[in-house]
Amino acid sequence: MSKAGKLRVPDYLGHILEAIRRIHLYVENMTEVQFLEDGKTQDAVIRNFEIIGEACRNIDSLHPEFTQEHPEVPWGFAYEMRNVLAHGYFKVDLEIVWQTIHTDLPDLAAQIEVLLNKSHKA
């Protein structure tokens, strides 16, 4: 069995939260202009979006009952964004990435934290 098959839902949820935490750490105190001019930060942020997308895909493919029980979480969208970022190369719209960091990630983090807390109590 692959390592991915051995991980449980709480492991993947933890990976998602850690990736979100890192993204926020990388862009902390940055303006959008600074982000758009900083290739290293862009690369770090994109890598962590890829981690979020992969973790969401793994939860959906290995634990489909969990994603069906929690349709409020954008599991598919996270993986689709991962694909765009991973395969878009130099066509990535960094303004959308910036907006996603500030508009979508806080909600996703809150949703994942609730699910992770519930899984620890179960």
PDB file of N, CA and C in Angstrom:
ATOM      1  N   MET A   1       0.851  -1.179   0.000  1.00  0.00           N
ATOM      2  CA  MET A   1       0.000   0.000   0.000  1.00  0.00           C
ATOM      3  C   MET A   1       0.893   1.238   0.000  1.00  0.00           C
ATOM      4  N   SER A   2       0.533   2.206  -0.767  1.00  0.00           N
ATOM      5  CA  SER A   2       1.307   3.444  -0.821  1.00  0.00           C
ATOM      6  C   SER A   2       1.163   4.216   0.482  1.00  0.00           C
ATOM      7  N   LYS A   3       2.084   5.149   0.688  1.00  0.00           N
ATOM      8  CA  LYS A   3       2.010   5.985   1.884  1.00  0.00           C
ATOM      9  C   LYS A   3       0.676   6.739   1.928  1.00  0.00           C
ATOM     10  N   ALA A   4       0.217   7.218   0.768  1.00  0.00           N
ATOM     11  CA  ALA A   4      -1.051   7.961   0.723  1.00  0.00           C
ATOM     12  C   ALA A   4      -2.194   7.097   1.233  1.00  0.00           C
ATOM     13  N   GLY A   5      -2.170   5.798   0.925  1.00  0.00           N
ATOM     14  CA  GLY A   5      -3.225   4.908   1.362  1.00  0.00           C
ATOM     15  C   GLY A   5      -3.229   4.661   2.856  1.00  0.00           C
ATOM     16  N   LYS A   6      -2.108   4.906   3.508  1.00  0.00           N
ATOM     17  CA  LYS A   6      -2.001   4.695   4.947  1.00  0.00           C
ATOM     18  C   LYS A   6      -2.444   5.916   5.752  1.00  0.00           C
ATOM     19  N   LEU A   7      -2.509   7.058   5.107  1.00  0.00           N
ATOM     20  CA  LEU A   7      -2.891   8.275   5.814  1.00  0.00           C
ATOM     21  C   LEU A   7      -4.395   8.299   6.045  1.00  0.00           C
ATOM     22  N   ARG A   8      -4.771   8.864   7.150  1.00  0.00           N
ATOM     23  CA  ARG A   8      -6.174   8.989   7.498  1.00  0.00           C
ATOM     24  C   ARG A   8      -6.641  10.409   7.199  1.00  0.00           C
ATOM     25  N   VAL A   9      -7.937  10.612   7.213  1.00  0.00           N
ATOM     26  CA  VAL A   9      -8.510  11.928   6.941  1.00  0.00           C
ATOM     27  C   VAL A   9      -7.882  13.007   7.827  1.00  0.00           C
ATOM     28  N   PRO A  10      -7.739  12.792   9.139  1.00  0.00           N
ATOM     29  CA  PRO A  10      -7.131  13.852   9.962  1.00  0.00           C
ATOM     30  C   PRO A  10      -5.715  14.229   9.519  1.00  0.00           C
ATOM     31  N   ASP A  11      -4.968  13.258   8.981  1.00  0.00           N
ATOM     32  CA  ASP A  11      -3.628  13.566   8.473  1.00  0.00           C
ATOM     33  C   ASP A  11      -3.719  14.554   7.313  1.00  0.00           C
ATOM     34  N   TYR A  12      -4.601  14.266   6.371  1.00  0.00           N
ATOM     35  CA  TYR A  12      -4.771  15.151   5.220  1.00  0.00           C
ATOM     36  C   TYR A  12      -5.295  16.520   5.630  1.00  0.00           C
ATOM     37  N   LEU A  13      -6.234  16.544   6.564  1.00  0.00           N
ATOM     38  CA  LEU A  13      -6.749  17.829   7.049  1.00  0.00           C
ATOM     39  C   LEU A  13      -5.622  18.637   7.680  1.00  0.00           C
ATOM     40  N   GLY A  14      -4.756  17.968   8.409  1.00  0.00           N
ATOM     41  CA  GLY A  14      -3.598  18.644   8.996  1.00  0.00           C
ATOM     42  C   GLY A  14      -2.663  19.196   7.936  1.00  0.00           C
ATOM     43  N   HIS A  15      -2.466  18.446   6.850  1.00  0.00           N
ATOM     44  CA  HIS A  15      -1.624  18.929   5.749  1.00  0.00           C
ATOM     45  C   HIS A  15      -2.214  20.197   5.132  1.00  0.00           C
ATOM     46  N   ILE A  16      -3.530  20.193   4.968  1.00  0.00           N
ATOM     47  CA  ILE A  16      -4.202  21.366   4.394  1.00  0.00           C
ATOM     48  C   ILE A  16      -4.005  22.578   5.293  1.00  0.00           C
ATOM     49  N   LEU A  17      -4.236  22.411   6.580  1.00  0.00           N
ATOM     50  CA  LEU A  17      -4.076  23.540   7.510  1.00  0.00           C
ATOM     51  C   LEU A  17      -2.642  24.036   7.554  1.00  0.00           C
ATOM     52  N   GLU A  18      -1.687  23.127   7.526  1.00  0.00           N
ATOM     53  CA  GLU A  18      -0.281  23.532   7.544  1.00  0.00           C
ATOM     54  C   GLU A  18       0.066  24.309   6.278  1.00  0.00           C
ATOM     55  N   ALA A  19      -0.433  23.869   5.133  1.00  0.00           N
ATOM     56  CA  ALA A  19      -0.161  24.580   3.881  1.00  0.00           C
ATOM     57  C   ALA A  19      -0.782  25.976   3.906  1.00  0.00           C
ATOM     58  N   ILE A  20      -1.989  26.097   4.436  1.00  0.00           N
ATOM     59  CA  ILE A  20      -2.629  27.414   4.548  1.00  0.00           C
ATOM     60  C   ILE A  20      -1.824  28.307   5.484  1.00  0.00           C
ATOM     61  N   ARG A  21      -1.375  27.743   6.600  1.00  0.00           N
ATOM     62  CA  ARG A  21      -0.571  28.509   7.554  1.00  0.00           C
ATOM     63  C   ARG A  21       0.703  29.031   6.882  1.00  0.00           C
ATOM     64  N   ARG A  22       1.348  28.178   6.108  1.00  0.00           N
ATOM     65  CA  ARG A  22       2.579  28.588   5.422  1.00  0.00           C
ATOM     66  C   ARG A  22       2.307  29.691   4.402  1.00  0.00           C
ATOM     67  N   ILE A  23       1.232  29.541   3.647  1.00  0.00           N
ATOM     68  CA  ILE A  23       0.898  30.575   2.664  1.00  0.00           C
ATOM     69  C   ILE A  23       0.727  31.918   3.360  1.00  0.00           C
ATOM     70  N   HIS A  24      -0.027  31.927   4.439  1.00  0.00           N
ATOM     71  CA  HIS A  24      -0.237  33.190   5.157  1.00  0.00           C
ATOM     72  C   HIS A  24       1.069  33.730   5.728  1.00  0.00           C
ATOM     73  N   LEU A  25       1.933  32.855   6.187  1.00  0.00           N
ATOM     74  CA  LEU A  25       3.238  33.275   6.694  1.00  0.00           C
ATOM     75  C   LEU A  25       4.071  33.910   5.581  1.00  0.00           C
ATOM     76  N   TYR A  26       4.043  33.308   4.393  1.00  0.00           N
ATOM     77  CA  TYR A  26       4.844  33.810   3.275  1.00  0.00           C
ATOM     78  C   TYR A  26       4.398  35.188   2.800  1.00  0.00           C
ATOM     79  N   VAL A  27       3.103  35.461   2.852  1.00  0.00           N
ATOM     80  CA  VAL A  27       2.610  36.737   2.319  1.00  0.00           C
ATOM     81  C   VAL A  27       2.332  37.768   3.409  1.00  0.00           C
ATOM     82  N   GLU A  28       2.595  37.395   4.646  1.00  0.00           N
ATOM     83  CA  GLU A  28       2.360  38.304   5.767  1.00  0.00           C
ATOM     84  C   GLU A  28       3.104  39.620   5.538  1.00  0.00           C
ATOM     85  N   ASN A  29       2.426  40.701   5.725  1.00  0.00           N
ATOM     86  CA  ASN A  29       2.978  42.053   5.569  1.00  0.00           C
ATOM     87  C   ASN A  29       3.359  42.406   4.134  1.00  0.00           C
ATOM     88  N   MET A  30       2.912  41.627   3.161  1.00  0.00           N
ATOM     89  CA  MET A  30       3.176  41.944   1.753  1.00  0.00           C
ATOM     90  C   MET A  30       1.959  42.637   1.155  1.00  0.00           C
ATOM     91  N   THR A  31       2.225  43.515   0.225  1.00  0.00           N
ATOM     92  CA  THR A  31       1.152  44.066  -0.594  1.00  0.00           C
ATOM     93  C   THR A  31       1.006  43.181  -1.827  1.00  0.00           C
ATOM     94  N   GLU A  32      -0.075  43.373  -2.545  1.00  0.00           N
ATOM     95  CA  GLU A  32      -0.254  42.609  -3.777  1.00  0.00           C
ATOM     96  C   GLU A  32       0.879  42.897  -4.756  1.00  0.00           C
ATOM     97  N   VAL A  33       1.284  44.146  -4.867  1.00  0.00           N
ATOM     98  CA  VAL A  33       2.369  44.513  -5.785  1.00  0.00           C
ATOM     99  C   VAL A  33       3.656  43.789  -5.398  1.00  0.00           C
ATOM    100  N   GLN A  34       3.959  43.759  -4.110  1.00  0.00           N
ATOM    101  CA  GLN A  34       5.164  43.053  -3.662  1.00  0.00           C
ATOM    102  C   GLN A  34       5.089  41.570  -4.010  1.00  0.00           C
ATOM    103  N   PHE A  35       3.917  40.982  -3.804  1.00  0.00           N
ATOM    104  CA  PHE A  35       3.740  39.570  -4.146  1.00  0.00           C
ATOM    105  C   PHE A  35       3.950  39.348  -5.642  1.00  0.00           C
ATOM    106  N   LEU A  36       3.376  40.211  -6.461  1.00  0.00           N
ATOM    107  CA  LEU A  36       3.477  40.051  -7.911  1.00  0.00           C
ATOM    108  C   LEU A  36       4.903  40.224  -8.418  1.00  0.00           C
ATOM    109  N   GLU A  37       5.754  40.856  -7.624  1.00  0.00           N
ATOM    110  CA  GLU A  37       7.148  41.078  -8.017  1.00  0.00           C
ATOM    111  C   GLU A  37       8.117  40.085  -7.373  1.00  0.00           C
ATOM    112  N   ASP A  38       7.631  39.184  -6.537  1.00  0.00           N
ATOM    113  CA  ASP A  38       8.500  38.299  -5.762  1.00  0.00           C
ATOM    114  C   ASP A  38       8.323  36.844  -6.202  1.00  0.00           C
ATOM    115  N   GLY A  39       9.161  36.425  -7.127  1.00  0.00           N
ATOM    116  CA  GLY A  39       9.062  35.076  -7.677  1.00  0.00           C
ATOM    117  C   GLY A  39       9.240  33.975  -6.648  1.00  0.00           C
ATOM    118  N   LYS A  40      10.114  34.174  -5.684  1.00  0.00           N
ATOM    119  CA  LYS A  40      10.326  33.137  -4.667  1.00  0.00           C
ATOM    120  C   LYS A  40       9.068  32.923  -3.829  1.00  0.00           C
ATOM    121  N   THR A  41       8.429  34.008  -3.439  1.00  0.00           N
ATOM    122  CA  THR A  41       7.202  33.879  -2.652  1.00  0.00           C
ATOM    123  C   THR A  41       6.099  33.255  -3.499  1.00  0.00           C
ATOM    124  N   GLN A  42       6.005  33.651  -4.752  1.00  0.00           N
ATOM    125  CA  GLN A  42       5.014  33.049  -5.650  1.00  0.00           C
ATOM    126  C   GLN A  42       5.210  31.536  -5.717  1.00  0.00           C
ATOM    127  N   ASP A  43       6.463  31.108  -5.903  1.00  0.00           N
ATOM    128  CA  ASP A  43       6.743  29.677  -5.990  1.00  0.00           C
ATOM    129  C   ASP A  43       6.362  28.949  -4.703  1.00  0.00           C
ATOM    130  N   ALA A  44       6.681  29.549  -3.559  1.00  0.00           N
ATOM    131  CA  ALA A  44       6.356  28.929  -2.271  1.00  0.00           C
ATOM    132  C   ALA A  44       4.846  28.832  -2.075  1.00  0.00           C
ATOM    133  N   VAL A  45       4.146  29.880  -2.433  1.00  0.00           N
ATOM    134  CA  VAL A  45       2.688  29.892  -2.296  1.00  0.00           C
ATOM    135  C   VAL A  45       2.061  28.854  -3.225  1.00  0.00           C
ATOM    136  N   ILE A  46       2.496  28.834  -4.466  1.00  0.00           N
ATOM    137  CA  ILE A  46       1.937  27.886  -5.430  1.00  0.00           C
ATOM    138  C   ILE A  46       2.185  26.453  -4.979  1.00  0.00           C
ATOM    139  N   ARG A  47       3.373  26.177  -4.460  1.00  0.00           N
ATOM    140  CA  ARG A  47       3.674  24.823  -3.958  1.00  0.00           C
ATOM    141  C   ARG A  47       2.687  24.423  -2.860  1.00  0.00           C
ATOM    142  N   ASN A  48       2.369  25.336  -1.981  1.00  0.00           N
ATOM    143  CA  ASN A  48       1.447  25.009  -0.895  1.00  0.00           C
ATOM    144  C   ASN A  48       0.005  24.891  -1.375  1.00  0.00           C
ATOM    145  N   PHE A  49      -0.365  25.633  -2.413  1.00  0.00           N
ATOM    146  CA  PHE A  49      -1.680  25.410  -3.025  1.00  0.00           C
ATOM    147  C   PHE A  49      -1.740  24.008  -3.639  1.00  0.00           C
ATOM    148  N   GLU A  50      -0.628  23.557  -4.204  1.00  0.00           N
ATOM    149  CA  GLU A  50      -0.577  22.204  -4.752  1.00  0.00           C
ATOM    150  C   GLU A  50      -0.786  21.164  -3.651  1.00  0.00           C
ATOM    151  N   ILE A  51      -0.176  21.394  -2.492  1.00  0.00           N
ATOM    152  CA  ILE A  51      -0.349  20.483  -1.355  1.00  0.00           C
ATOM    153  C   ILE A  51      -1.812  20.444  -0.928  1.00  0.00           C
ATOM    154  N   ILE A  52      -2.440  21.603  -0.852  1.00  0.00           N
ATOM    155  CA  ILE A  52      -3.861  21.668  -0.493  1.00  0.00           C
ATOM    156  C   ILE A  52      -4.692  20.856  -1.489  1.00  0.00           C
ATOM    157  N   GLY A  53      -4.445  21.066  -2.765  1.00  0.00           N
ATOM    158  CA  GLY A  53      -5.198  20.352  -3.795  1.00  0.00           C
ATOM    159  C   GLY A  53      -4.992  18.852  -3.752  1.00  0.00           C
ATOM    160  N   GLU A  54      -3.746  18.423  -3.562  1.00  0.00           N
ATOM    161  CA  GLU A  54      -3.459  16.990  -3.481  1.00  0.00           C
ATOM    162  C   GLU A  54      -4.124  16.363  -2.266  1.00  0.00           C
ATOM    163  N   ALA A  55      -4.064  17.049  -1.135  1.00  0.00           N
ATOM    164  CA  ALA A  55      -4.696  16.517   0.078  1.00  0.00           C
ATOM    165  C   ALA A  55      -6.207  16.397  -0.120  1.00  0.00           C
ATOM    166  N   CYS A  56      -6.812  17.397  -0.746  1.00  0.00           N
ATOM    167  CA  CYS A  56      -8.255  17.336  -1.021  1.00  0.00           C
ATOM    168  C   CYS A  56      -8.581  16.180  -1.958  1.00  0.00           C
ATOM    169  N   ARG A  57      -7.761  15.994  -2.977  1.00  0.00           N
ATOM    170  CA  ARG A  57      -7.983  14.887  -3.916  1.00  0.00           C
ATOM    171  C   ARG A  57      -7.837  13.546  -3.204  1.00  0.00           C
ATOM    172  N   ASN A  58      -6.826  13.425  -2.346  1.00  0.00           N
ATOM    173  CA  ASN A  58      -6.628  12.166  -1.636  1.00  0.00           C
ATOM    174  C   ASN A  58      -7.789  11.858  -0.699  1.00  0.00           C
ATOM    175  N   ILE A  59      -8.287  12.870  -0.028  1.00  0.00           N
ATOM    176  CA  ILE A  59      -9.453  12.642   0.832  1.00  0.00           C
ATOM    177  C   ILE A  59     -10.625  12.168  -0.023  1.00  0.00           C
ATOM    178  N   ASP A  60     -10.850  12.844  -1.152  1.00  0.00           N
ATOM    179  CA  ASP A  60     -11.987  12.497  -2.012  1.00  0.00           C
ATOM    180  C   ASP A  60     -11.840  11.104  -2.615  1.00  0.00           C
ATOM    181  N   SER A  61     -10.635  10.736  -3.044  1.00  0.00           N
ATOM    182  CA  SER A  61     -10.479   9.437  -3.702  1.00  0.00           C
ATOM    183  C   SER A  61     -10.343   8.286  -2.710  1.00  0.00           C
ATOM    184  N   LEU A  62      -9.717   8.521  -1.562  1.00  0.00           N
ATOM    185  CA  LEU A  62      -9.497   7.445  -0.593  1.00  0.00           C
ATOM    186  C   LEU A  62     -10.584   7.357   0.476  1.00  0.00           C
ATOM    187  N   HIS A  63     -11.281   8.458   0.683  1.00  0.00           N
ATOM    188  CA  HIS A  63     -12.325   8.520   1.714  1.00  0.00           C
ATOM    189  C   HIS A  63     -13.549   9.266   1.163  1.00  0.00           C
ATOM    190  N   PRO A  64     -14.149   8.763   0.075  1.00  0.00           N
ATOM    191  CA  PRO A  64     -15.242   9.496  -0.574  1.00  0.00           C
ATOM    192  C   PRO A  64     -16.448   9.731   0.332  1.00  0.00           C
ATOM    193  N   GLU A  65     -16.653   8.838   1.276  1.00  0.00           N
ATOM    194  CA  GLU A  65     -17.780   9.028   2.192  1.00  0.00           C
ATOM    195  C   GLU A  65     -17.602  10.309   3.010  1.00  0.00           C
ATOM    196  N   PHE A  66     -16.363  10.649   3.318  1.00  0.00           N
ATOM    197  CA  PHE A  66     -16.093  11.853   4.104  1.00  0.00           C
ATOM    198  C   PHE A  66     -16.427  13.106   3.298  1.00  0.00           C
ATOM    199  N   THR A  67     -15.989  13.148   2.046  1.00  0.00           N
ATOM    200  CA  THR A  67     -16.286  14.336   1.233  1.00  0.00           C
ATOM    201  C   THR A  67     -17.778  14.442   0.941  1.00  0.00           C
ATOM    202  N   GLN A  68     -18.454  13.306   0.809  1.00  0.00           N
ATOM    203  CA  GLN A  68     -19.904  13.339   0.597  1.00  0.00           C
ATOM    204  C   GLN A  68     -20.634  13.863   1.826  1.00  0.00           C
ATOM    205  N   GLU A  69     -20.095  13.585   2.998  1.00  0.00           N
ATOM    206  CA  GLU A  69     -20.695  14.076   4.241  1.00  0.00           C
ATOM    207  C   GLU A  69     -20.426  15.566   4.464  1.00  0.00           C
ATOM    208  N   HIS A  70     -19.452  16.110   3.721  1.00  0.00           N
ATOM    209  CA  HIS A  70     -19.056  17.510   3.911  1.00  0.00           C
ATOM    210  C   HIS A  70     -18.966  18.243   2.568  1.00  0.00           C
ATOM    211  N   PRO A  71     -20.111  18.382   1.888  1.00  0.00           N
ATOM    212  CA  PRO A  71     -20.107  19.039   0.579  1.00  0.00           C
ATOM    213  C   PRO A  71     -19.847  20.541   0.655  1.00  0.00           C
ATOM    214  N   GLU A  72     -19.895  21.116   1.858  1.00  0.00           N
ATOM    215  CA  GLU A  72     -19.636  22.548   2.012  1.00  0.00           C
ATOM    216  C   GLU A  72     -18.173  22.904   1.745  1.00  0.00           C
ATOM    217  N   VAL A  73     -17.298  21.912   1.821  1.00  0.00           N
ATOM    218  CA  VAL A  73     -15.870  22.138   1.571  1.00  0.00           C
ATOM    219  C   VAL A  73     -15.622  21.995   0.071  1.00  0.00           C
ATOM    220  N   PRO A  74     -14.898  22.922  -0.531  1.00  0.00           N
ATOM    221  CA  PRO A  74     -14.671  22.879  -1.983  1.00  0.00           C
ATOM    222  C   PRO A  74     -13.573  21.885  -2.378  1.00  0.00           C
ATOM    223  N   TRP A  75     -13.794  20.593  -2.117  1.00  0.00           N
ATOM    224  CA  TRP A  75     -12.782  19.570  -2.385  1.00  0.00           C
ATOM    225  C   TRP A  75     -12.352  19.590  -3.845  1.00  0.00           C
ATOM    226  N   GLY A  76     -13.313  19.563  -4.750  1.00  0.00           N
ATOM    227  CA  GLY A  76     -13.005  19.518  -6.178  1.00  0.00           C
ATOM    228  C   GLY A  76     -12.353  20.787  -6.679  1.00  0.00           C
ATOM    229  N   PHE A  77     -12.833  21.920  -6.206  1.00  0.00           N
ATOM    230  CA  PHE A  77     -12.264  23.195  -6.640  1.00  0.00           C
ATOM    231  C   PHE A  77     -10.799  23.295  -6.236  1.00  0.00           C
ATOM    232  N   ALA A  78     -10.475  22.829  -5.032  1.00  0.00           N
ATOM    233  CA  ALA A  78      -9.090  22.895  -4.562  1.00  0.00           C
ATOM    234  C   ALA A  78      -8.186  22.068  -5.468  1.00  0.00           C
ATOM    235  N   TYR A  79      -8.663  20.901  -5.885  1.00  0.00           N
ATOM    236  CA  TYR A  79      -7.849  20.069  -6.767  1.00  0.00           C
ATOM    237  C   TYR A  79      -7.758  20.673  -8.166  1.00  0.00           C
ATOM    238  N   GLU A  80      -8.845  21.252  -8.653  1.00  0.00           N
ATOM    239  CA  GLU A  80      -8.807  21.910  -9.963  1.00  0.00           C
ATOM    240  C   GLU A  80      -7.817  23.067  -9.953  1.00  0.00           C
ATOM    241  N   MET A  81      -7.810  23.840  -8.872  1.00  0.00           N
ATOM    242  CA  MET A  81      -6.858  24.949  -8.782  1.00  0.00           C
ATOM    243  C   MET A  81      -5.438  24.411  -8.761  1.00  0.00           C
ATOM    244  N   ARG A  82      -5.228  23.311  -8.046  1.00  0.00           N
ATOM    245  CA  ARG A  82      -3.915  22.679  -8.009  1.00  0.00           C
ATOM    246  C   ARG A  82      -3.464  22.323  -9.417  1.00  0.00           C
ATOM    247  N   ASN A  83      -4.354  21.755 -10.218  1.00  0.00           N
ATOM    248  CA  ASN A  83      -4.005  21.377 -11.584  1.00  0.00           C
ATOM    249  C   ASN A  83      -3.628  22.586 -12.421  1.00  0.00           C
ATOM    250  N   VAL A  84      -4.379  23.649 -12.299  1.00  0.00           N
ATOM    251  CA  VAL A  84      -4.068  24.872 -13.050  1.00  0.00           C
ATOM    252  C   VAL A  84      -2.693  25.391 -12.653  1.00  0.00           C
ATOM    253  N   LEU A  85      -2.420  25.413 -11.356  1.00  0.00           N
ATOM    254  CA  LEU A  85      -1.140  25.929 -10.875  1.00  0.00           C
ATOM    255  C   LEU A  85       0.013  25.007 -11.251  1.00  0.00           C
ATOM    256  N   ALA A  86      -0.202  23.705 -11.152  1.00  0.00           N
ATOM    257  CA  ALA A  86       0.869  22.751 -11.424  1.00  0.00           C
ATOM    258  C   ALA A  86       1.185  22.644 -12.911  1.00  0.00           C
ATOM    259  N   HIS A  87       0.187  22.836 -13.750  1.00  0.00           N
ATOM    260  CA  HIS A  87       0.386  22.629 -15.179  1.00  0.00           C
ATOM    261  C   HIS A  87       0.292  23.906 -15.999  1.00  0.00           C
ATOM    262  N   GLY A  88       0.004  25.020 -15.341  1.00  0.00           N
ATOM    263  CA  GLY A  88      -0.132  26.278 -16.054  1.00  0.00           C
ATOM    264  C   GLY A  88       1.188  26.954 -16.337  1.00  0.00           C
ATOM    265  N   TYR A  89       2.232  26.535 -15.602  1.00  0.00           N
ATOM    266  CA  TYR A  89       3.568  27.084 -15.749  1.00  0.00           C
ATOM    267  C   TYR A  89       3.529  28.603 -15.698  1.00  0.00           C
ATOM    268  N   PHE A  90       3.892  29.260 -16.782  1.00  0.00           N
ATOM    269  CA  PHE A  90       3.991  30.717 -16.758  1.00  0.00           C
ATOM    270  C   PHE A  90       2.682  31.403 -17.141  1.00  0.00           C
ATOM    271  N   LYS A  91       1.599  30.640 -17.208  1.00  0.00           N
ATOM    272  CA  LYS A  91       0.297  31.208 -17.543  1.00  0.00           C
ATOM    273  C   LYS A  91      -0.569  31.420 -16.304  1.00  0.00           C
ATOM    274  N   VAL A  92      -0.018  31.191 -15.124  1.00  0.00           N
ATOM    275  CA  VAL A  92      -0.772  31.332 -13.881  1.00  0.00           C
ATOM    276  C   VAL A  92      -1.126  32.799 -13.664  1.00  0.00           C
ATOM    277  N   ASP A  93      -2.380  33.065 -13.351  1.00  0.00           N
ATOM    278  CA  ASP A  93      -2.827  34.425 -13.056  1.00  0.00           C
ATOM    279  C   ASP A  93      -2.571  34.697 -11.577  1.00  0.00           C
ATOM    280  N   LEU A  94      -1.482  35.382 -11.300  1.00  0.00           N
ATOM    281  CA  LEU A  94      -1.062  35.614  -9.921  1.00  0.00           C
ATOM    282  C   LEU A  94      -1.997  36.545  -9.168  1.00  0.00           C
ATOM    283  N   GLU A  95      -2.738  37.373  -9.878  1.00  0.00           N
ATOM    284  CA  GLU A  95      -3.726  38.219  -9.203  1.00  0.00           C
ATOM    285  C   GLU A  95      -4.853  37.357  -8.628  1.00  0.00           C
ATOM    286  N   ILE A  96      -5.228  36.308  -9.354  1.00  0.00           N
ATOM    287  CA  ILE A  96      -6.244  35.388  -8.837  1.00  0.00           C
ATOM    288  C   ILE A  96      -5.695  34.621  -7.640  1.00  0.00           C
ATOM    289  N   VAL A  97      -4.431  34.224  -7.715  1.00  0.00           N
ATOM    290  CA  VAL A  97      -3.804  33.551  -6.574  1.00  0.00           C
ATOM    291  C   VAL A  97      -3.855  34.461  -5.352  1.00  0.00           C
ATOM    292  N   TRP A  98      -3.492  35.731  -5.526  1.00  0.00           N
ATOM    293  CA  TRP A  98      -3.507  36.693  -4.420  1.00  0.00           C
ATOM    294  C   TRP A  98      -4.921  36.838  -3.839  1.00  0.00           C
ATOM    295  N   GLN A  99      -5.898  36.974  -4.721  1.00  0.00           N
ATOM    296  CA  GLN A  99      -7.288  37.107  -4.261  1.00  0.00           C
ATOM    297  C   GLN A  99      -7.739  35.857  -3.515  1.00  0.00           C
ATOM    298  N   THR A 100      -7.349  34.705  -4.009  1.00  0.00           N
ATOM    299  CA  THR A 100      -7.723  33.447  -3.369  1.00  0.00           C
ATOM    300  C   THR A 100      -7.143  33.355  -1.962  1.00  0.00           C
ATOM    301  N   ILE A 101      -5.913  33.800  -1.811  1.00  0.00           N
ATOM    302  CA  ILE A 101      -5.273  33.796  -0.489  1.00  0.00           C
ATOM    303  C   ILE A 101      -6.118  34.581   0.505  1.00  0.00           C
ATOM    304  N   HIS A 102      -6.609  35.724   0.071  1.00  0.00           N
ATOM    305  CA  HIS A 102      -7.285  36.633   0.998  1.00  0.00           C
ATOM    306  C   HIS A 102      -8.799  36.438   1.082  1.00  0.00           C
ATOM    307  N   THR A 103      -9.403  35.822   0.071  1.00  0.00           N
ATOM    308  CA  THR A 103     -10.859  35.661   0.112  1.00  0.00           C
ATOM    309  C   THR A 103     -11.298  34.229   0.401  1.00  0.00           C
ATOM    310  N   ASP A 104     -10.586  33.253  -0.132  1.00  0.00           N
ATOM    311  CA  ASP A 104     -11.026  31.861  -0.006  1.00  0.00           C
ATOM    312  C   ASP A 104     -10.315  31.073   1.091  1.00  0.00           C
ATOM    313  N   LEU A 105      -9.018  31.318   1.265  1.00  0.00           N
ATOM    314  CA  LEU A 105      -8.281  30.515   2.249  1.00  0.00           C
ATOM    315  C   LEU A 105      -8.763  30.686   3.687  1.00  0.00           C
ATOM    316  N   PRO A 106      -9.137  31.883   4.125  1.00  0.00           N
ATOM    317  CA  PRO A 106      -9.634  31.980   5.507  1.00  0.00           C
ATOM    318  C   PRO A 106     -10.872  31.106   5.747  1.00  0.00           C
ATOM    319  N   ASP A 107     -11.791  31.085   4.789  1.00  0.00           N
ATOM    320  CA  ASP A 107     -12.984  30.241   4.926  1.00  0.00           C
ATOM    321  C   ASP A 107     -12.618  28.760   4.903  1.00  0.00           C
ATOM    322  N   LEU A 108     -11.715  28.391   3.990  1.00  0.00           N
ATOM    323  CA  LEU A 108     -11.291  26.997   3.916  1.00  0.00           C
ATOM    324  C   LEU A 108     -10.615  26.580   5.218  1.00  0.00           C
ATOM    325  N   ALA A 109      -9.751  27.430   5.746  1.00  0.00           N
ATOM    326  CA  ALA A 109      -9.073  27.112   7.007  1.00  0.00           C
ATOM    327  C   ALA A 109     -10.086  26.890   8.123  1.00  0.00           C
ATOM    328  N   ALA A 110     -11.087  27.742   8.198  1.00  0.00           N
ATOM    329  CA  ALA A 110     -12.107  27.605   9.242  1.00  0.00           C
ATOM    330  C   ALA A 110     -12.873  26.289   9.084  1.00  0.00           C
ATOM    331  N   GLN A 111     -13.235  25.941   7.852  1.00  0.00           N
ATOM    332  CA  GLN A 111     -13.955  24.690   7.607  1.00  0.00           C
ATOM    333  C   GLN A 111     -13.106  23.481   7.995  1.00  0.00           C
ATOM    334  N   ILE A 112     -11.841  23.516   7.609  1.00  0.00           N
ATOM    335  CA  ILE A 112     -10.951  22.387   7.881  1.00  0.00           C
ATOM    336  C   ILE A 112     -10.688  22.261   9.375  1.00  0.00           C
ATOM    337  N   GLU A 113     -10.532  23.380  10.062  1.00  0.00           N
ATOM    338  CA  GLU A 113     -10.318  23.336  11.515  1.00  0.00           C
ATOM    339  C   GLU A 113     -11.496  22.675  12.225  1.00  0.00           C
ATOM    340  N   VAL A 114     -12.708  23.018  11.815  1.00  0.00           N
ATOM    341  CA  VAL A 114     -13.897  22.404  12.416  1.00  0.00           C
ATOM    342  C   VAL A 114     -13.876  20.892  12.193  1.00  0.00           C
ATOM    343  N   LEU A 115     -13.593  20.474  10.965  1.00  0.00           N
ATOM    344  CA  LEU A 115     -13.574  19.043  10.653  1.00  0.00           C
ATOM    345  C   LEU A 115     -12.462  18.323  11.407  1.00  0.00           C
ATOM    346  N   LEU A 116     -11.311  18.960  11.505  1.00  0.00           N
ATOM    347  CA  LEU A 116     -10.195  18.341  12.220  1.00  0.00           C
ATOM    348  C   LEU A 116     -10.514  18.204  13.704  1.00  0.00           C
ATOM    349  N   ASN A 117     -11.107  19.224  14.284  1.00  0.00           N
ATOM    350  CA  ASN A 117     -11.499  19.152  15.698  1.00  0.00           C
ATOM    351  C   ASN A 117     -12.527  18.049  15.931  1.00  0.00           C
ATOM    352  N   LYS A 118     -13.492  17.926  15.018  1.00  0.00           N
ATOM    353  CA  LYS A 118     -14.495  16.860  15.137  1.00  0.00           C
ATOM    354  C   LYS A 118     -13.840  15.484  15.038  1.00  0.00           C
ATOM    355  N   SER A 119     -12.857  15.362  14.138  1.00  0.00           N
ATOM    356  CA  SER A 119     -12.219  14.055  13.950  1.00  0.00           C
ATOM    357  C   SER A 119     -11.388  13.663  15.166  1.00  0.00           C
ATOM    358  N   HIS A 120     -10.848  14.636  15.876  1.00  0.00           N
ATOM    359  CA  HIS A 120     -10.075  14.333  17.082  1.00  0.00           C
ATOM    360  C   HIS A 120     -10.980  13.930  18.241  1.00  0.00           C
ATOM    361  N   LYS A 121     -12.216  14.407  18.215  1.00  0.00           N
ATOM    362  CA  LYS A 121     -13.168  14.075  19.284  1.00  0.00           C
ATOM    363  C   LYS A 121     -13.840  12.725  19.043  1.00  0.00           C
ATOM    364  N   ALA A 122     -13.785  12.269  17.788  1.00  0.00           N
ATOM    365  CA  ALA A 122     -14.461  11.007  17.437  1.00  0.00           C
ATOM    366  C   ALA A 122     -13.694   9.795  17.945  1.00  0.00           C
TER     367      ALA A 122
END
